[in-house]
Each structure stands twice: as structure tokens, then as C-alpha cells.
Amino acid sequence: MRWAVLYARSRAMPVSFAALAVSMAVIWFLARDRWSMIPVSLALLVAIAVTAIGLSGQDVDLDRTAAIRWVPRRGLHLLLIGGLAVGAVLLPRLWEADRVPVEIILRNAGGLLGLVGIAAALVGGAFGWTLPLFVFVVSFVVWATTSGTDTTHLVITWLFQPTDVAAATWTAVVLAVAGLGTYMVFGNRR
């Protein structure tokens, strides 16, 4: 077998892809008439969460002692997760009348992907979904219950801000770079 097949199987990628397809179909069916900012952000969160469960292999010690360069493979794995999530969320744009701007989808995907990378490095790949879920819930609660234009409010609610809010964009960029770099260099936690 080739390394890519072994890597995909050890990271539960086939199961993750099946879970991605099912979860996206369910979310789209439930929000088909209201494919707006909230369902799109939720769909991104779910897409990234179900595909991120494979960020850690079956044996961390075996991964760490393998005679291959892990840094590019880890980065490619995270970028693959992000690409699949963006693709899954952009697919309904083919038939939906209300379209969330692509810039928002890319911004939110990058930030959530960075959070997955940070969580994988801190608590392990199997729990990479925890930090994005926590940030999504906090961001949604603050966005739904308060309003404001101060920088702190814009940073906390970055997931639900329009494209012209610089604080939201910079928050997502910082999270994406920090998460990608952290996961590529350090890998998942034991």
C-alpha cells in the first residue's frame, strides 16, 4: 500500500468523509429556506469538526518516530479539511437564491481551521472539534444578546460579522496562522 492510503485509513478519513456528506445534507435540509450567515457558519463548524477527528493517528509514539517529514503532511491534512468544508458549504450556492459572500465563508473556515489546529496541539486530534465549538457558542451568544461596535465585541463575534469588519478578518487570520503553524510544528498532543 502507498503511504497516502495508509495515512487516510489511520486517520479515519473514509468515515470522516461519510460523516461530512451526511451532516451537510441534514444541515442543508433543515436550513434550505434560510441559507444565511448562521446556517453557513454552523455548517462550516460541523464540516470541520467531523473531518478533524482524524488529526491524530492510532499511535502518537509511532507517528513521532516515523522516518517521514510530518510538517508538510500535517499542513496538507489541515488544508484538505478546510477545502472540504468550504466546498461542502459552497455547494448549495448552485441552487440557493440567498448567498452568503464567499469572503465570509473563507474567513470563517480559516479561523475555525486554526482553532482546530490549536485544539489538536493542546488536547489531541480526537478532540480538535472542542475549541471551535466553544468559540462558535460564545460568539453566537454574545452576538445574539448584545450589540456593539467596539473592537472587543467585534473580535468575540468575528464569525457573524460582515466582510467589511477588519477586526473580524484579522481575528480569523491570526487564528488561522497560529493554528496551522502550531499543528504543523507540534502535531497532536499525546
C-alpha atoms as a PDB file:
ATOM      1  CA  MET A   1       0.000   0.000   0.000  1.00  0.00           C
ATOM      2  CA  ARG A   2       1.049   3.557  -0.576  1.00  0.00           C
ATOM      3  CA  TRP A   3       1.649   5.942   2.321  1.00  0.00           C
ATOM      4  CA  ALA A   4      -1.340   8.106   1.366  1.00  0.00           C
ATOM      5  CA  VAL A   5      -3.764   5.180   1.639  1.00  0.00           C
ATOM      6  CA  LEU A   6      -2.298   4.103   4.959  1.00  0.00           C
ATOM      7  CA  TYR A   7      -2.372   7.658   6.236  1.00  0.00           C
ATOM      8  CA  ALA A   8      -6.007   8.110   5.195  1.00  0.00           C
ATOM      9  CA  ARG A   9      -7.075   4.850   6.832  1.00  0.00           C
ATOM     10  CA  SER A  10      -5.154   5.532  10.048  1.00  0.00           C
ATOM     11  CA  ARG A  11      -6.788   8.969  10.271  1.00  0.00           C
ATOM     12  CA  ALA A  12     -10.328   7.609   9.710  1.00  0.00           C
ATOM     13  CA  MET A  13     -10.742   9.722   6.591  1.00  0.00           C
ATOM     14  CA  PRO A  14     -13.308   7.473   4.854  1.00  0.00           C
ATOM     15  CA  VAL A  15     -15.582   7.630   7.905  1.00  0.00           C
ATOM     16  CA  SER A  16     -14.994  11.370   8.214  1.00  0.00           C
ATOM     17  CA  PHE A  17     -15.963  11.936   4.584  1.00  0.00           C
ATOM     18  CA  ALA A  18     -19.146   9.908   5.044  1.00  0.00           C
ATOM     19  CA  ALA A  19     -19.994  11.886   8.186  1.00  0.00           C
ATOM     20  CA  LEU A  20     -19.320  15.100   6.280  1.00  0.00           C
ATOM     21  CA  ALA A  21     -21.727  14.163   3.498  1.00  0.00           C
ATOM     22  CA  VAL A  22     -24.491  13.113   5.891  1.00  0.00           C
ATOM     23  CA  SER A  23     -24.118  16.106   8.212  1.00  0.00           C
ATOM     24  CA  MET A  24     -24.079  18.597   5.342  1.00  0.00           C
ATOM     25  CA  ALA A  25     -27.188  17.016   3.829  1.00  0.00           C
ATOM     26  CA  VAL A  26     -29.001  17.254   7.172  1.00  0.00           C
ATOM     27  CA  ILE A  27     -27.952  20.863   7.808  1.00  0.00           C
ATOM     28  CA  TRP A  28     -28.877  21.929   4.307  1.00  0.00           C
ATOM     29  CA  PHE A  29     -32.252  20.158   4.532  1.00  0.00           C
ATOM     30  CA  LEU A  30     -33.058  21.847   7.853  1.00  0.00           C
ATOM     31  CA  ALA A  31     -31.897  25.303   6.689  1.00  0.00           C
ATOM     32  CA  ARG A  32     -32.759  25.057   2.992  1.00  0.00           C
ATOM     33  CA  ASP A  33     -35.054  28.087   3.074  1.00  0.00           C
ATOM     34  CA  ARG A  34     -32.744  30.156   5.285  1.00  0.00           C
ATOM     35  CA  TRP A  35     -29.205  29.512   3.994  1.00  0.00           C
ATOM     36  CA  SER A  36     -27.865  32.639   5.666  1.00  0.00           C
ATOM     37  CA  MET A  37     -24.915  33.548   7.880  1.00  0.00           C
ATOM     38  CA  ILE A  38     -25.886  31.372  10.860  1.00  0.00           C
ATOM     39  CA  PRO A  39     -26.551  28.095   8.994  1.00  0.00           C
ATOM     40  CA  VAL A  40     -23.446  28.636   6.864  1.00  0.00           C
ATOM     41  CA  SER A  41     -21.247  29.194   9.933  1.00  0.00           C
ATOM     42  CA  LEU A  42     -22.824  26.186  11.633  1.00  0.00           C
ATOM     43  CA  ALA A  43     -22.260  24.084   8.527  1.00  0.00           C
ATOM     44  CA  LEU A  44     -18.600  25.141   8.444  1.00  0.00           C
ATOM     45  CA  LEU A  45     -18.225  24.254  12.110  1.00  0.00           C
ATOM     46  CA  VAL A  46     -19.777  20.821  11.630  1.00  0.00           C
ATOM     47  CA  ALA A  47     -17.838  20.134   8.432  1.00  0.00           C
ATOM     48  CA  ILE A  48     -14.532  20.996  10.064  1.00  0.00           C
ATOM     49  CA  ALA A  49     -15.403  19.161  13.290  1.00  0.00           C
ATOM     50  CA  VAL A  50     -16.370  15.850  11.679  1.00  0.00           C
ATOM     51  CA  THR A  51     -13.336  15.794   9.421  1.00  0.00           C
ATOM     52  CA  ALA A  52     -10.917  16.908  12.149  1.00  0.00           C
ATOM     53  CA  ILE A  53     -11.408  13.813  14.290  1.00  0.00           C
ATOM     54  CA  GLY A  54      -8.629  12.166  12.318  1.00  0.00           C
ATOM     55  CA  LEU A  55      -5.933  14.700  13.097  1.00  0.00           C
ATOM     56  CA  SER A  56      -4.308  12.191  15.418  1.00  0.00           C
ATOM     57  CA  GLY A  57      -3.335   8.701  14.399  1.00  0.00           C
ATOM     58  CA  GLN A  58      -3.840   5.463  16.227  1.00  0.00           C
ATOM     59  CA  ASP A  59      -0.453   5.643  17.935  1.00  0.00           C
ATOM     60  CA  VAL A  60       1.143   9.009  18.663  1.00  0.00           C
ATOM     61  CA  ASP A  61       4.521   7.472  19.501  1.00  0.00           C
ATOM     62  CA  LEU A  62       4.565   5.620  16.198  1.00  0.00           C
ATOM     63  CA  ASP A  63       3.772   8.844  14.361  1.00  0.00           C
ATOM     64  CA  ARG A  64       6.530  10.715  16.151  1.00  0.00           C
ATOM     65  CA  THR A  65       9.183   8.088  15.360  1.00  0.00           C
ATOM     66  CA  ALA A  66       8.271   7.627  11.707  1.00  0.00           C
ATOM     67  CA  ALA A  67      11.049   8.443   9.272  1.00  0.00           C
ATOM     68  CA  ILE A  68       8.978  10.892   7.234  1.00  0.00           C
ATOM     69  CA  ARG A  69       8.579  14.647   7.377  1.00  0.00           C
ATOM     70  CA  TRP A  70       5.368  15.291   9.269  1.00  0.00           C
ATOM     71  CA  VAL A  71       5.253  19.076   8.958  1.00  0.00           C
ATOM     72  CA  PRO A  72       4.091  19.191   5.325  1.00  0.00           C
ATOM     73  CA  ARG A  73       1.720  16.256   5.821  1.00  0.00           C
ATOM     74  CA  ARG A  74       0.089  17.902   8.825  1.00  0.00           C
ATOM     75  CA  GLY A  75      -0.301  21.148   6.937  1.00  0.00           C
ATOM     76  CA  LEU A  76      -1.732  19.358   3.917  1.00  0.00           C
ATOM     77  CA  HIS A  77      -4.172  17.482   6.168  1.00  0.00           C
ATOM     78  CA  LEU A  78      -5.453  20.717   7.714  1.00  0.00           C
ATOM     79  CA  LEU A  79      -5.745  22.383   4.315  1.00  0.00           C
ATOM     80  CA  LEU A  80      -7.640  19.353   2.997  1.00  0.00           C
ATOM     81  CA  ILE A  81     -10.094  19.655   5.901  1.00  0.00           C
ATOM     82  CA  GLY A  82     -10.552  23.347   5.150  1.00  0.00           C
ATOM     83  CA  GLY A  83     -11.016  22.735   1.440  1.00  0.00           C
ATOM     84  CA  LEU A  84     -13.624  20.053   2.044  1.00  0.00           C
ATOM     85  CA  ALA A  85     -15.505  22.277   4.478  1.00  0.00           C
ATOM     86  CA  VAL A  86     -15.503  25.245   2.112  1.00  0.00           C
ATOM     87  CA  GLY A  87     -16.560  23.028  -0.778  1.00  0.00           C
ATOM     88  CA  ALA A  88     -19.383  21.496   1.240  1.00  0.00           C
ATOM     89  CA  VAL A  89     -20.681  24.933   2.214  1.00  0.00           C
ATOM     90  CA  LEU A  90     -20.294  26.416  -1.268  1.00  0.00           C
ATOM     91  CA  LEU A  91     -22.158  23.559  -2.950  1.00  0.00           C
ATOM     92  CA  PRO A  92     -25.649  24.858  -2.039  1.00  0.00           C
ATOM     93  CA  ARG A  93     -24.773  28.166  -3.743  1.00  0.00           C
ATOM     94  CA  LEU A  94     -25.507  26.413  -7.013  1.00  0.00           C
ATOM     95  CA  TRP A  95     -29.233  26.381  -6.290  1.00  0.00           C
ATOM     96  CA  GLU A  96     -29.770  28.836  -3.421  1.00  0.00           C
ATOM     97  CA  ALA A  97     -31.114  32.322  -4.103  1.00  0.00           C
ATOM     98  CA  ASP A  98     -29.694  33.877  -0.913  1.00  0.00           C
ATOM     99  CA  ARG A  99     -25.956  33.595  -0.996  1.00  0.00           C
ATOM    100  CA  VAL A 100     -23.538  34.313   1.790  1.00  0.00           C
ATOM    101  CA  PRO A 101     -20.444  36.037   0.342  1.00  0.00           C
ATOM    102  CA  VAL A 102     -17.515  33.734  -0.386  1.00  0.00           C
ATOM    103  CA  GLU A 103     -15.239  36.064   1.589  1.00  0.00           C
ATOM    104  CA  ILE A 104     -17.176  35.315   4.776  1.00  0.00           C
ATOM    105  CA  ILE A 105     -17.067  31.583   4.121  1.00  0.00           C
ATOM    106  CA  LEU A 106     -13.303  31.647   3.545  1.00  0.00           C
ATOM    107  CA  ARG A 107     -12.704  33.893   6.574  1.00  0.00           C
ATOM    108  CA  ASN A 108     -14.766  31.710   8.902  1.00  0.00           C
ATOM    109  CA  ALA A 109     -13.276  28.498   7.527  1.00  0.00           C
ATOM    110  CA  GLY A 110      -9.756  29.779   8.080  1.00  0.00           C
ATOM    111  CA  GLY A 111     -10.448  30.875  11.638  1.00  0.00           C
ATOM    112  CA  LEU A 112     -12.238  27.655  12.577  1.00  0.00           C
ATOM    113  CA  LEU A 113      -9.488  25.595  10.970  1.00  0.00           C
ATOM    114  CA  GLY A 114      -6.910  27.451  13.022  1.00  0.00           C
ATOM    115  CA  LEU A 115      -8.896  26.715  16.155  1.00  0.00           C
ATOM    116  CA  VAL A 116      -8.925  23.019  15.237  1.00  0.00           C
ATOM    117  CA  GLY A 117      -5.144  23.072  14.849  1.00  0.00           C
ATOM    118  CA  ILE A 118      -4.678  24.763  18.216  1.00  0.00           C
ATOM    119  CA  ALA A 119      -7.070  22.330  19.917  1.00  0.00           C
ATOM    120  CA  ALA A 120      -5.347  19.322  18.355  1.00  0.00           C
ATOM    121  CA  ALA A 121      -1.992  20.523  19.641  1.00  0.00           C
ATOM    122  CA  LEU A 122      -3.381  21.262  23.119  1.00  0.00           C
ATOM    123  CA  VAL A 123      -5.817  18.399  23.817  1.00  0.00           C
ATOM    124  CA  GLY A 124      -5.272  15.913  20.985  1.00  0.00           C
ATOM    125  CA  GLY A 125      -6.586  15.387  17.497  1.00  0.00           C
ATOM    126  CA  ALA A 126      -9.641  13.428  18.582  1.00  0.00           C
ATOM    127  CA  PHE A 127     -10.797  16.498  20.488  1.00  0.00           C
ATOM    128  CA  GLY A 128      -9.875  19.059  17.844  1.00  0.00           C
ATOM    129  CA  TRP A 129     -13.539  19.970  17.481  1.00  0.00           C
ATOM    130  CA  THR A 130     -13.861  21.263  21.076  1.00  0.00           C
ATOM    131  CA  LEU A 131     -12.244  24.687  20.713  1.00  0.00           C
ATOM    132  CA  PRO A 132     -14.103  25.659  17.507  1.00  0.00           C
ATOM    133  CA  LEU A 133     -17.385  24.575  19.096  1.00  0.00           C
ATOM    134  CA  PHE A 134     -16.656  26.610  22.235  1.00  0.00           C
ATOM    135  CA  VAL A 135     -15.733  29.707  20.211  1.00  0.00           C
ATOM    136  CA  PHE A 136     -18.811  29.295  17.999  1.00  0.00           C
ATOM    137  CA  VAL A 137     -21.147  29.073  21.006  1.00  0.00           C
ATOM    138  CA  VAL A 138     -19.562  32.046  22.791  1.00  0.00           C
ATOM    139  CA  SER A 139     -19.538  34.100  19.600  1.00  0.00           C
ATOM    140  CA  PHE A 140     -23.166  33.281  18.849  1.00  0.00           C
ATOM    141  CA  VAL A 141     -24.397  34.016  22.384  1.00  0.00           C
ATOM    142  CA  VAL A 142     -22.568  37.348  22.526  1.00  0.00           C
ATOM    143  CA  TRP A 143     -23.707  38.271  19.001  1.00  0.00           C
ATOM    144  CA  ALA A 144     -27.347  37.348  19.688  1.00  0.00           C
ATOM    145  CA  THR A 145     -27.627  39.009  23.104  1.00  0.00           C
ATOM    146  CA  THR A 146     -25.588  42.183  22.747  1.00  0.00           C
ATOM    147  CA  SER A 147     -24.738  44.707  20.109  1.00  0.00           C
ATOM    148  CA  GLY A 148     -21.729  46.904  19.823  1.00  0.00           C
ATOM    149  CA  THR A 149     -19.082  48.267  17.560  1.00  0.00           C
ATOM    150  CA  ASP A 150     -16.149  48.284  19.941  1.00  0.00           C
ATOM    151  CA  THR A 151     -13.170  46.154  18.973  1.00  0.00           C
ATOM    152  CA  THR A 152     -13.655  43.623  21.765  1.00  0.00           C
ATOM    153  CA  HIS A 153     -17.213  42.895  20.654  1.00  0.00           C
ATOM    154  CA  LEU A 154     -16.142  42.607  17.017  1.00  0.00           C
ATOM    155  CA  VAL A 155     -13.316  40.213  17.899  1.00  0.00           C
ATOM    156  CA  ILE A 156     -15.557  37.990  20.025  1.00  0.00           C
ATOM    157  CA  THR A 157     -18.295  37.880  17.380  1.00  0.00           C
ATOM    158  CA  TRP A 158     -15.972  37.562  14.396  1.00  0.00           C
ATOM    159  CA  LEU A 159     -17.896  34.579  12.981  1.00  0.00           C
ATOM    160  CA  PHE A 160     -21.047  36.635  12.446  1.00  0.00           C
ATOM    161  CA  GLN A 161     -19.612  39.915  11.210  1.00  0.00           C
ATOM    162  CA  PRO A 162     -19.928  41.184   7.626  1.00  0.00           C
ATOM    163  CA  THR A 163     -16.988  41.213   5.237  1.00  0.00           C
ATOM    164  CA  ASP A 164     -16.045  44.851   5.791  1.00  0.00           C
ATOM    165  CA  VAL A 165     -15.207  44.419   9.506  1.00  0.00           C
ATOM    166  CA  ALA A 166     -11.419  44.471   9.736  1.00  0.00           C
ATOM    167  CA  ALA A 167     -11.328  43.202  13.334  1.00  0.00           C
ATOM    168  CA  ALA A 168     -13.206  40.037  12.332  1.00  0.00           C
ATOM    169  CA  THR A 169     -10.933  39.432   9.366  1.00  0.00           C
ATOM    170  CA  TRP A 170      -7.774  39.930  11.405  1.00  0.00           C
ATOM    171  CA  THR A 171      -9.083  37.668  14.156  1.00  0.00           C
ATOM    172  CA  ALA A 172      -9.657  34.899  11.626  1.00  0.00           C
ATOM    173  CA  VAL A 173      -6.250  35.441  10.000  1.00  0.00           C
ATOM    174  CA  VAL A 174      -4.424  35.315  13.349  1.00  0.00           C
ATOM    175  CA  LEU A 175      -6.312  32.172  14.380  1.00  0.00           C
ATOM    176  CA  ALA A 176      -5.636  30.506  11.018  1.00  0.00           C
ATOM    177  CA  VAL A 177      -1.909  31.247  11.021  1.00  0.00           C
ATOM    178  CA  ALA A 178      -1.465  30.349  14.695  1.00  0.00           C
ATOM    179  CA  GLY A 179      -3.434  27.120  14.384  1.00  0.00           C
ATOM    180  CA  LEU A 180      -1.821  25.955  11.173  1.00  0.00           C
ATOM    181  CA  GLY A 181       1.656  26.735  12.464  1.00  0.00           C
ATOM    182  CA  THR A 182       1.057  25.146  15.860  1.00  0.00           C
ATOM    183  CA  TYR A 183      -0.339  21.936  14.453  1.00  0.00           C
ATOM    184  CA  MET A 184       2.272  21.647  11.702  1.00  0.00           C
ATOM    185  CA  VAL A 185       5.184  22.102  14.068  1.00  0.00           C
ATOM    186  CA  PHE A 186       3.990  20.347  17.218  1.00  0.00           C
ATOM    187  CA  GLY A 187       1.411  17.872  15.932  1.00  0.00           C
ATOM    188  CA  ASN A 188      -1.221  16.498  18.206  1.00  0.00           C
ATOM    189  CA  ARG A 189      -0.978  16.076  21.931  1.00  0.00           C
ATOM    190  CA  ARG A 190      -0.346  12.616  23.348  1.00  0.00           C
END
